[in-house]
Every structure is written in C-alpha cells, then in structure tokens.
PDB file of all heavy atoms in Angstrom:
ATOM      1  N   VAL A   1      -1.043   8.623 -26.722  1.00  0.00           N
ATOM      2  CA  VAL A   1      -1.499   9.028 -25.400  1.00  0.00           C
ATOM      3  C   VAL A   1      -1.729   7.763 -24.566  1.00  0.00           C
ATOM      4  O   VAL A   1      -2.466   6.874 -24.982  1.00  0.00           O
ATOM      5  CB  VAL A   1      -2.800   9.862 -25.465  1.00  0.00           C
ATOM      6  CG1 VAL A   1      -3.229  10.310 -24.074  1.00  0.00           C
ATOM      7  CG2 VAL A   1      -2.625  11.063 -26.389  1.00  0.00           C
ATOM      8  N   ILE A   2      -1.065   7.734 -23.404  1.00  0.00           N
ATOM      9  CA  ILE A   2      -1.108   6.519 -22.548  1.00  0.00           C
ATOM     10  C   ILE A   2      -1.772   6.858 -21.218  1.00  0.00           C
ATOM     11  O   ILE A   2      -1.327   7.766 -20.518  1.00  0.00           O
ATOM     12  CB  ILE A   2       0.332   5.990 -22.306  1.00  0.00           C
ATOM     13  CG1 ILE A   2       1.048   5.771 -23.630  1.00  0.00           C
ATOM     14  CG2 ILE A   2       0.296   4.708 -21.478  1.00  0.00           C
ATOM     15  CD1 ILE A   2       2.528   5.453 -23.466  1.00  0.00           C
ATOM     16  N   HIS A   3      -2.850   6.178 -20.918  1.00  0.00           N
ATOM     17  CA  HIS A   3      -3.547   6.354 -19.651  1.00  0.00           C
ATOM     18  C   HIS A   3      -3.303   5.142 -18.759  1.00  0.00           C
ATOM     19  O   HIS A   3      -3.494   4.006 -19.201  1.00  0.00           O
ATOM     20  CB  HIS A   3      -5.070   6.507 -19.854  1.00  0.00           C
ATOM     21  CG  HIS A   3      -5.423   7.646 -20.760  1.00  0.00           C
ATOM     22  ND1 HIS A   3      -5.413   8.955 -20.359  1.00  0.00           N
ATOM     23  CD2 HIS A   3      -5.820   7.666 -22.052  1.00  0.00           C
ATOM     24  CE1 HIS A   3      -5.763   9.730 -21.358  1.00  0.00           C
ATOM     25  NE2 HIS A   3      -6.036   8.962 -22.404  1.00  0.00           N
ATOM     26  N   ASP A   4      -2.850   5.410 -17.538  1.00  0.00           N
ATOM     27  CA  ASP A   4      -2.700   4.303 -16.571  1.00  0.00           C
ATOM     28  C   ASP A   4      -4.039   4.070 -15.900  1.00  0.00           C
ATOM     29  O   ASP A   4      -4.498   4.873 -15.094  1.00  0.00           O
ATOM     30  CB  ASP A   4      -1.644   4.692 -15.544  1.00  0.00           C
ATOM     31  CG  ASP A   4      -1.305   3.532 -14.604  1.00  0.00           C
ATOM     32  OD1 ASP A   4      -2.014   2.499 -14.670  1.00  0.00           O
ATOM     33  OD2 ASP A   4      -0.360   3.648 -13.811  1.00  0.00           O
ATOM     34  N   ILE A   5      -4.707   2.997 -16.285  1.00  0.00           N
ATOM     35  CA  ILE A   5      -6.055   2.710 -15.757  1.00  0.00           C
ATOM     36  C   ILE A   5      -6.007   1.573 -14.734  1.00  0.00           C
ATOM     37  O   ILE A   5      -7.052   0.959 -14.454  1.00  0.00           O
ATOM     38  CB  ILE A   5      -7.026   2.385 -16.894  1.00  0.00           C
ATOM     39  CG1 ILE A   5      -6.542   1.184 -17.693  1.00  0.00           C
ATOM     40  CG2 ILE A   5      -7.219   3.598 -17.796  1.00  0.00           C
ATOM     41  CD1 ILE A   5      -7.549   0.694 -18.722  1.00  0.00           C
ATOM     42  N   THR A   6      -4.785   1.347 -14.198  1.00  0.00           N
ATOM     43  CA  THR A   6      -4.677   0.271 -13.201  1.00  0.00           C
ATOM     44  C   THR A   6      -5.590   0.552 -12.009  1.00  0.00           C
ATOM     45  O   THR A   6      -6.321  -0.347 -11.544  1.00  0.00           O
ATOM     46  CB  THR A   6      -3.225   0.156 -12.719  1.00  0.00           C
ATOM     47  OG1 THR A   6      -2.363   0.005 -13.866  1.00  0.00           O
ATOM     48  CG2 THR A   6      -3.050  -1.032 -11.815  1.00  0.00           C
ATOM     49  N   ALA A   7      -5.539   1.781 -11.511  1.00  0.00           N
ATOM     50  CA  ALA A   7      -6.375   2.123 -10.351  1.00  0.00           C
ATOM     51  C   ALA A   7      -7.861   2.045 -10.678  1.00  0.00           C
ATOM     52  O   ALA A   7      -8.676   1.616  -9.847  1.00  0.00           O
ATOM     53  CB  ALA A   7      -6.026   3.531  -9.870  1.00  0.00           C
ATOM     54  N   VAL A   8      -8.206   2.442 -11.914  1.00  0.00           N
ATOM     55  CA  VAL A   8      -9.595   2.383 -12.343  1.00  0.00           C
ATOM     56  C   VAL A   8     -10.089   0.927 -12.368  1.00  0.00           C
ATOM     57  O   VAL A   8     -11.163   0.608 -11.840  1.00  0.00           O
ATOM     58  CB  VAL A   8      -9.783   3.036 -13.725  1.00  0.00           C
ATOM     59  CG1 VAL A   8     -11.228   2.878 -14.203  1.00  0.00           C
ATOM     60  CG2 VAL A   8      -9.421   4.524 -13.651  1.00  0.00           C
ATOM     61  N   ARG A   9      -9.270   0.084 -12.972  1.00  0.00           N
ATOM     62  CA  ARG A   9      -9.649  -1.344 -13.025  1.00  0.00           C
ATOM     63  C   ARG A   9      -9.665  -1.962 -11.621  1.00  0.00           C
ATOM     64  O   ARG A   9     -10.555  -2.771 -11.314  1.00  0.00           O
ATOM     65  CB  ARG A   9      -8.666  -2.106 -13.916  1.00  0.00           C
ATOM     66  CG  ARG A   9      -8.749  -1.706 -15.382  1.00  0.00           C
ATOM     67  CD  ARG A   9     -10.074  -2.174 -15.989  1.00  0.00           C
ATOM     68  NE  ARG A   9     -10.159  -1.846 -17.382  1.00  0.00           N
ATOM     69  CZ  ARG A   9     -10.816  -0.789 -17.851  1.00  0.00           C
ATOM     70  NH1 ARG A   9     -11.450   0.010 -16.987  1.00  0.00           N
ATOM     71  NH2 ARG A   9     -10.874  -0.499 -19.124  1.00  0.00           N
ATOM     72  N   ARG A  10      -8.694  -1.552 -10.788  1.00  0.00           N
ATOM     73  CA  ARG A  10      -8.712  -2.066  -9.418  1.00  0.00           C
ATOM     74  C   ARG A  10      -9.951  -1.573  -8.674  1.00  0.00           C
ATOM     75  O   ARG A  10     -10.591  -2.349  -7.919  1.00  0.00           O
ATOM     76  CB  ARG A  10      -7.450  -1.608  -8.696  1.00  0.00           C
ATOM     77  CG  ARG A  10      -7.331  -2.208  -7.277  1.00  0.00           C
ATOM     78  CD  ARG A  10      -6.098  -1.693  -6.581  1.00  0.00           C
ATOM     79  NE  ARG A  10      -4.852  -2.118  -7.240  1.00  0.00           N
ATOM     80  CZ  ARG A  10      -3.991  -1.303  -7.775  1.00  0.00           C
ATOM     81  NH1 ARG A  10      -4.213   0.012  -7.750  1.00  0.00           N
ATOM     82  NH2 ARG A  10      -2.899  -1.750  -8.355  1.00  0.00           N
ATOM     83  N   LEU A  11     -10.302  -0.320  -8.912  1.00  0.00           N
ATOM     84  CA  LEU A  11     -11.511   0.220  -8.255  1.00  0.00           C
ATOM     85  C   LEU A  11     -12.758  -0.494  -8.756  1.00  0.00           C
ATOM     86  O   LEU A  11     -13.676  -0.813  -7.972  1.00  0.00           O
ATOM     87  CB  LEU A  11     -11.615   1.724  -8.541  1.00  0.00           C
ATOM     88  CG  LEU A  11     -12.789   2.462  -7.897  1.00  0.00           C
ATOM     89  CD1 LEU A  11     -12.766   2.320  -6.396  1.00  0.00           C
ATOM     90  CD2 LEU A  11     -12.807   3.922  -8.316  1.00  0.00           C
ATOM     91  N   GLU A  12     -12.784  -0.758 -10.061  1.00  0.00           N
ATOM     92  CA  GLU A  12     -13.951  -1.499 -10.587  1.00  0.00           C
ATOM     93  C   GLU A  12     -14.025  -2.876  -9.947  1.00  0.00           C
ATOM     94  O   GLU A  12     -15.120  -3.349  -9.619  1.00  0.00           O
ATOM     95  CB  GLU A  12     -13.815  -1.607 -12.124  1.00  0.00           C
ATOM     96  CG  GLU A  12     -14.036  -0.271 -12.835  1.00  0.00           C
ATOM     97  CD  GLU A  12     -13.812  -0.404 -14.325  1.00  0.00           C
ATOM     98  OE1 GLU A  12     -13.370  -1.500 -14.758  1.00  0.00           O
ATOM     99  OE2 GLU A  12     -14.046   0.590 -15.051  1.00  0.00           O
ATOM    100  N   ARG A  13     -12.842  -3.520  -9.821  1.00  0.00           N
ATOM    101  CA  ARG A  13     -12.846  -4.827  -9.190  1.00  0.00           C
ATOM    102  C   ARG A  13     -13.270  -4.754  -7.727  1.00  0.00           C
ATOM    103  O   ARG A  13     -14.043  -5.583  -7.243  1.00  0.00           O
ATOM    104  CB  ARG A  13     -11.436  -5.448  -9.318  1.00  0.00           C
ATOM    105  CG  ARG A  13     -11.379  -6.874  -8.801  1.00  0.00           C
ATOM    106  CD  ARG A  13     -10.019  -7.514  -9.075  1.00  0.00           C
ATOM    107  NE  ARG A  13      -8.952  -6.883  -8.303  1.00  0.00           N
ATOM    108  CZ  ARG A  13      -8.055  -6.079  -8.829  1.00  0.00           C
ATOM    109  NH1 ARG A  13      -8.060  -5.820 -10.141  1.00  0.00           N
ATOM    110  NH2 ARG A  13      -7.113  -5.519  -8.058  1.00  0.00           N
ATOM    111  N   MET A  14     -12.766  -3.699  -7.042  1.00  0.00           N
ATOM    112  CA  MET A  14     -13.133  -3.516  -5.634  1.00  0.00           C
ATOM    113  C   MET A  14     -14.622  -3.249  -5.523  1.00  0.00           C
ATOM    114  O   MET A  14     -15.292  -3.737  -4.591  1.00  0.00           O
ATOM    115  CB  MET A  14     -12.324  -2.378  -5.015  1.00  0.00           C
ATOM    116  CG  MET A  14     -10.857  -2.718  -4.813  1.00  0.00           C
ATOM    117  SD  MET A  14      -9.878  -1.311  -4.234  1.00  0.00           S
ATOM    118  CE  MET A  14     -10.677  -1.037  -2.646  1.00  0.00           C
ATOM    119  N   ARG A  15     -15.168  -2.445  -6.428  1.00  0.00           N
ATOM    120  CA  ARG A  15     -16.602  -2.172  -6.371  1.00  0.00           C
ATOM    121  C   ARG A  15     -17.387  -3.436  -6.629  1.00  0.00           C
ATOM    122  O   ARG A  15     -18.427  -3.678  -5.962  1.00  0.00           O
ATOM    123  CB  ARG A  15     -16.949  -1.103  -7.418  1.00  0.00           C
ATOM    124  CG  ARG A  15     -16.522   0.302  -7.002  1.00  0.00           C
ATOM    125  CD  ARG A  15     -16.824   1.300  -8.085  1.00  0.00           C
ATOM    126  NE  ARG A  15     -16.486   2.659  -7.681  1.00  0.00           N
ATOM    127  CZ  ARG A  15     -16.526   3.711  -8.452  1.00  0.00           C
ATOM    128  NH1 ARG A  15     -16.885   3.566  -9.751  1.00  0.00           N
ATOM    129  NH2 ARG A  15     -16.221   4.909  -8.013  1.00  0.00           N
ATOM    130  N   SER A  16     -16.921  -4.228  -7.576  1.00  0.00           N
ATOM    131  CA  SER A  16     -17.603  -5.472  -7.864  1.00  0.00           C
ATOM    132  C   SER A  16     -17.560  -6.384  -6.624  1.00  0.00           C
ATOM    133  O   SER A  16     -18.576  -6.999  -6.233  1.00  0.00           O
ATOM    134  CB  SER A  16     -16.951  -6.160  -9.058  1.00  0.00           C
ATOM    135  OG  SER A  16     -17.541  -7.393  -9.304  1.00  0.00           O
ATOM    136  N   GLU A  17     -16.352  -6.464  -6.016  1.00  0.00           N
ATOM    137  CA  GLU A  17     -16.234  -7.279  -4.803  1.00  0.00           C
ATOM    138  C   GLU A  17     -17.053  -6.684  -3.677  1.00  0.00           C
ATOM    139  O   GLU A  17     -17.658  -7.431  -2.870  1.00  0.00           O
ATOM    140  CB  GLU A  17     -14.761  -7.373  -4.403  1.00  0.00           C
ATOM    141  CG  GLU A  17     -13.889  -8.142  -5.379  1.00  0.00           C
ATOM    142  CD  GLU A  17     -12.436  -8.109  -4.985  1.00  0.00           C
ATOM    143  OE1 GLU A  17     -12.101  -7.391  -3.994  1.00  0.00           O
ATOM    144  OE2 GLU A  17     -11.599  -8.756  -5.650  1.00  0.00           O
ATOM    145  N   PHE A  18     -17.086  -5.326  -3.633  1.00  0.00           N
ATOM    146  CA  PHE A  18     -17.881  -4.706  -2.551  1.00  0.00           C
ATOM    147  C   PHE A  18     -19.359  -5.038  -2.683  1.00  0.00           C
ATOM    148  O   PHE A  18     -20.038  -5.344  -1.714  1.00  0.00           O
ATOM    149  CB  PHE A  18     -17.685  -3.166  -2.625  1.00  0.00           C
ATOM    150  CG  PHE A  18     -18.491  -2.420  -1.616  1.00  0.00           C
ATOM    151  CD1 PHE A  18     -18.174  -2.459  -0.266  1.00  0.00           C
ATOM    152  CD2 PHE A  18     -19.582  -1.681  -2.000  1.00  0.00           C
ATOM    153  CE1 PHE A  18     -18.916  -1.764   0.667  1.00  0.00           C
ATOM    154  CE2 PHE A  18     -20.330  -0.972  -1.087  1.00  0.00           C
ATOM    155  CZ  PHE A  18     -20.001  -1.005   0.257  1.00  0.00           C
ATOM    156  N   VAL A  19     -19.825  -4.971  -3.939  1.00  0.00           N
ATOM    157  CA  VAL A  19     -21.255  -5.320  -4.154  1.00  0.00           C
ATOM    158  C   VAL A  19     -21.501  -6.779  -3.778  1.00  0.00           C
ATOM    159  O   VAL A  19     -22.510  -7.106  -3.117  1.00  0.00           O
ATOM    160  CB  VAL A  19     -21.636  -5.063  -5.626  1.00  0.00           C
ATOM    161  CG1 VAL A  19     -23.026  -5.633  -5.908  1.00  0.00           C
ATOM    162  CG2 VAL A  19     -21.598  -3.569  -5.937  1.00  0.00           C
ATOM    163  N   ALA A  20     -20.555  -7.636  -4.200  1.00  0.00           N
ATOM    164  CA  ALA A  20     -20.725  -9.056  -3.848  1.00  0.00           C
ATOM    165  C   ALA A  20     -20.667  -9.255  -2.333  1.00  0.00           C
ATOM    166  O   ALA A  20     -21.476 -10.011  -1.768  1.00  0.00           O
ATOM    167  CB  ALA A  20     -19.626  -9.873  -4.530  1.00  0.00           C
ATOM    168  N   ASN A  21     -19.713  -8.559  -1.650  1.00  0.00           N
ATOM    169  CA  ASN A  21     -19.621  -8.694  -0.211  1.00  0.00           C
ATOM    170  C   ASN A  21     -20.845  -8.147   0.510  1.00  0.00           C
ATOM    171  O   ASN A  21     -21.343  -8.753   1.471  1.00  0.00           O
ATOM    172  CB  ASN A  21     -18.358  -7.987   0.297  1.00  0.00           C
ATOM    173  CG  ASN A  21     -17.096  -8.707  -0.111  1.00  0.00           C
ATOM    174  OD1 ASN A  21     -17.111  -9.927  -0.269  1.00  0.00           O
ATOM    175  ND2 ASN A  21     -16.016  -7.962  -0.270  1.00  0.00           N
ATOM    176  N   VAL A  22     -21.306  -6.985   0.028  1.00  0.00           N
ATOM    177  CA  VAL A  22     -22.511  -6.389   0.641  1.00  0.00           C
ATOM    178  C   VAL A  22     -23.692  -7.324   0.459  1.00  0.00           C
ATOM    179  O   VAL A  22     -24.471  -7.581   1.398  1.00  0.00           O
ATOM    180  CB  VAL A  22     -22.796  -5.016   0.040  1.00  0.00           C
ATOM    181  CG1 VAL A  22     -24.192  -4.534   0.438  1.00  0.00           C
ATOM    182  CG2 VAL A  22     -21.753  -3.996   0.489  1.00  0.00           C
ATOM    183  N   SER A  23     -23.796  -7.865  -0.745  1.00  0.00           N
ATOM    184  CA  SER A  23     -24.916  -8.816  -1.008  1.00  0.00           C
ATOM    185  C   SER A  23     -24.793 -10.004  -0.085  1.00  0.00           C
ATOM    186  O   SER A  23     -25.800 -10.480   0.484  1.00  0.00           O
ATOM    187  CB  SER A  23     -24.879  -9.248  -2.475  1.00  0.00           C
ATOM    188  OG  SER A  23     -25.010  -8.151  -3.319  1.00  0.00           O
ATOM    189  N   HIS A  24     -23.559 -10.513   0.062  1.00  0.00           N
ATOM    190  CA  HIS A  24     -23.360 -11.672   0.912  1.00  0.00           C
ATOM    191  C   HIS A  24     -23.657 -11.333   2.373  1.00  0.00           C
ATOM    192  O   HIS A  24     -24.301 -12.117   3.085  1.00  0.00           O
ATOM    193  CB  HIS A  24     -21.936 -12.174   0.744  1.00  0.00           C
ATOM    194  CG  HIS A  24     -21.637 -13.373   1.587  1.00  0.00           C
ATOM    195  ND1 HIS A  24     -22.141 -14.628   1.326  1.00  0.00           N
ATOM    196  CD2 HIS A  24     -20.888 -13.499   2.721  1.00  0.00           C
ATOM    197  CE1 HIS A  24     -21.722 -15.486   2.241  1.00  0.00           C
ATOM    198  NE2 HIS A  24     -20.952 -14.823   3.105  1.00  0.00           N
ATOM    199  N   GLU A  25     -23.107 -10.169   2.830  1.00  0.00           N
ATOM    200  CA  GLU A  25     -23.318  -9.774   4.229  1.00  0.00           C
ATOM    201  C   GLU A  25     -24.799  -9.497   4.526  1.00  0.00           C
ATOM    202  O   GLU A  25     -25.279  -9.807   5.602  1.00  0.00           O
ATOM    203  CB  GLU A  25     -22.483  -8.542   4.546  1.00  0.00           C
ATOM    204  CG  GLU A  25     -20.974  -8.775   4.501  1.00  0.00           C
ATOM    205  CD  GLU A  25     -20.525  -9.708   5.611  1.00  0.00           C
ATOM    206  OE1 GLU A  25     -21.205  -9.784   6.656  1.00  0.00           O
ATOM    207  OE2 GLU A  25     -19.486 -10.372   5.443  1.00  0.00           O
TER     208      GLU A  25
END
C-alpha cells in the first residue's frame, strides 16, 4: 500500500513556516 504524502509533508512544512512567519510578524 503506497500513500503519497508529498502534500502532507508540504503542508507540515508550510505550517511550520507559517508559525515561524506569524511569530516573526
């Protein structure tokens, strides 16, 4: 069984960046 988790990992990265950006802003 193969799950494409590219979007999940990208979303996690975006969320991490979002938190960092929000913190910075």
